[in-house]
Amino acid sequence: MEAIVEKVKKYNQIKMDLMKIAKCIDCCTEVEEKEFYQDVAVSYSKEMKRIKGTIEDTYGIQICNCSALSDK
């Protein structure tokens, strides 16, 4: 059970970091800086997707997608 707790903690930390990165993108005035944060955001998004898939496959649980909630 500890393994799932650690994976969920890591997943949630990446989500929080991604939200901070999105804030940085909104505040950037220079194109190079904005592109840097966009690249970082893509990397974080890919890692979130990988961890989510691992948690779902390993433990047979479904992690909610925010986009799925907005469709309702």
C-alpha atoms as a PDB file:
ATOM      1  CA  MET A   1       0.000   0.000   0.000  1.00  0.00           C
ATOM      2  CA  GLU A   2       2.947   2.346   0.602  1.00  0.00           C
ATOM      3  CA  ALA A   3       3.889   2.150  -3.063  1.00  0.00           C
ATOM      4  CA  ILE A   4       0.567   3.578  -4.221  1.00  0.00           C
ATOM      5  CA  VAL A   5       0.744   6.352  -1.632  1.00  0.00           C
ATOM      6  CA  GLU A   6       4.182   7.392  -2.890  1.00  0.00           C
ATOM      7  CA  LYS A   7       3.057   7.319  -6.527  1.00  0.00           C
ATOM      8  CA  VAL A   8      -0.024   9.403  -5.764  1.00  0.00           C
ATOM      9  CA  LYS A   9       2.108  11.903  -3.822  1.00  0.00           C
ATOM     10  CA  LYS A  10       4.495  12.164  -6.775  1.00  0.00           C
ATOM     11  CA  TYR A  11       1.571  12.561  -9.190  1.00  0.00           C
ATOM     12  CA  ASN A  12       0.043  15.328  -7.060  1.00  0.00           C
ATOM     13  CA  GLN A  13       3.387  17.137  -6.721  1.00  0.00           C
ATOM     14  CA  ILE A  14       3.800  17.119 -10.498  1.00  0.00           C
ATOM     15  CA  LYS A  15       0.266  18.531 -10.852  1.00  0.00           C
ATOM     16  CA  MET A  16       1.101  21.352  -8.430  1.00  0.00           C
ATOM     17  CA  ASP A  17       4.364  22.097 -10.247  1.00  0.00           C
ATOM     18  CA  LEU A  18       2.533  22.132 -13.565  1.00  0.00           C
ATOM     19  CA  MET A  19       0.067  24.701 -12.218  1.00  0.00           C
ATOM     20  CA  LYS A  20       2.993  26.895 -11.105  1.00  0.00           C
ATOM     21  CA  ILE A  21       4.563  26.549 -14.550  1.00  0.00           C
ATOM     22  CA  ALA A  22       1.290  27.587 -16.186  1.00  0.00           C
ATOM     23  CA  LYS A  23       1.309  30.700 -14.014  1.00  0.00           C
ATOM     24  CA  CYS A  24       4.846  31.464 -15.188  1.00  0.00           C
ATOM     25  CA  ILE A  25       3.749  31.126 -18.818  1.00  0.00           C
ATOM     26  CA  ASP A  26       0.989  33.671 -18.217  1.00  0.00           C
ATOM     27  CA  CYS A  27       3.449  36.149 -16.653  1.00  0.00           C
ATOM     28  CA  CYS A  28       6.237  35.840 -19.228  1.00  0.00           C
ATOM     29  CA  THR A  29       6.886  38.803 -21.470  1.00  0.00           C
ATOM     30  CA  GLU A  30       9.824  37.431 -23.454  1.00  0.00           C
ATOM     31  CA  VAL A  31       9.163  34.842 -26.153  1.00  0.00           C
ATOM     32  CA  GLU A  32      12.214  32.747 -25.237  1.00  0.00           C
ATOM     33  CA  GLU A  33      11.178  32.587 -21.602  1.00  0.00           C
ATOM     34  CA  LYS A  34       7.617  31.647 -22.503  1.00  0.00           C
ATOM     35  CA  GLU A  35       8.836  28.898 -24.849  1.00  0.00           C
ATOM     36  CA  PHE A  36      11.092  27.531 -22.112  1.00  0.00           C
ATOM     37  CA  TYR A  37       8.189  27.211 -19.668  1.00  0.00           C
ATOM     38  CA  GLN A  38       5.990  25.705 -22.381  1.00  0.00           C
ATOM     39  CA  ASP A  39       8.623  23.022 -23.005  1.00  0.00           C
ATOM     40  CA  VAL A  40       8.833  22.315 -19.268  1.00  0.00           C
ATOM     41  CA  ALA A  41       5.029  22.072 -19.095  1.00  0.00           C
ATOM     42  CA  VAL A  42       5.000  19.497 -21.894  1.00  0.00           C
ATOM     43  CA  SER A  43       7.590  17.395 -20.070  1.00  0.00           C
ATOM     44  CA  TYR A  44       5.614  17.554 -16.829  1.00  0.00           C
ATOM     45  CA  SER A  45       2.401  16.631 -18.658  1.00  0.00           C
ATOM     46  CA  LYS A  46       4.048  13.572 -20.196  1.00  0.00           C
ATOM     47  CA  GLU A  47       5.336  12.481 -16.773  1.00  0.00           C
ATOM     48  CA  MET A  48       1.871  12.925 -15.249  1.00  0.00           C
ATOM     49  CA  LYS A  49       0.366  10.772 -17.978  1.00  0.00           C
ATOM     50  CA  ARG A  50       2.996   8.067 -17.419  1.00  0.00           C
ATOM     51  CA  ILE A  51       2.479   7.974 -13.653  1.00  0.00           C
ATOM     52  CA  LYS A  52      -1.309   8.013 -14.035  1.00  0.00           C
ATOM     53  CA  GLY A  53      -1.129   5.032 -16.379  1.00  0.00           C
ATOM     54  CA  THR A  54       1.165   3.143 -14.016  1.00  0.00           C
ATOM     55  CA  ILE A  55      -1.139   3.733 -11.047  1.00  0.00           C
ATOM     56  CA  GLU A  56      -4.210   2.702 -13.008  1.00  0.00           C
ATOM     57  CA  ASP A  57      -2.587  -0.414 -14.488  1.00  0.00           C
ATOM     58  CA  THR A  58      -0.836  -1.554 -11.322  1.00  0.00           C
ATOM     59  CA  TYR A  59      -3.616  -0.942  -8.817  1.00  0.00           C
ATOM     60  CA  GLY A  60      -6.711  -1.145 -11.012  1.00  0.00           C
ATOM     61  CA  ILE A  61      -7.984   2.277  -9.986  1.00  0.00           C
ATOM     62  CA  GLN A  62      -9.206   5.102 -12.163  1.00  0.00           C
ATOM     63  CA  ILE A  63      -7.738   8.582 -11.697  1.00  0.00           C
ATOM     64  CA  CYS A  64     -10.111  11.360 -12.646  1.00  0.00           C
ATOM     65  CA  ASN A  65      -9.225  13.587 -15.603  1.00  0.00           C
ATOM     66  CA  CYS A  66     -10.109  17.244 -15.258  1.00  0.00           C
ATOM     67  CA  SER A  67     -11.009  17.388 -18.950  1.00  0.00           C
ATOM     68  CA  ALA A  68     -13.556  14.600 -18.449  1.00  0.00           C
ATOM     69  CA  LEU A  69     -15.224  16.653 -15.716  1.00  0.00           C
ATOM     70  CA  SER A  70     -15.525  19.733 -17.920  1.00  0.00           C
ATOM     71  CA  ASP A  71     -17.345  17.715 -20.599  1.00  0.00           C
ATOM     72  CA  LYS A  72     -20.289  17.052 -18.277  1.00  0.00           C
END
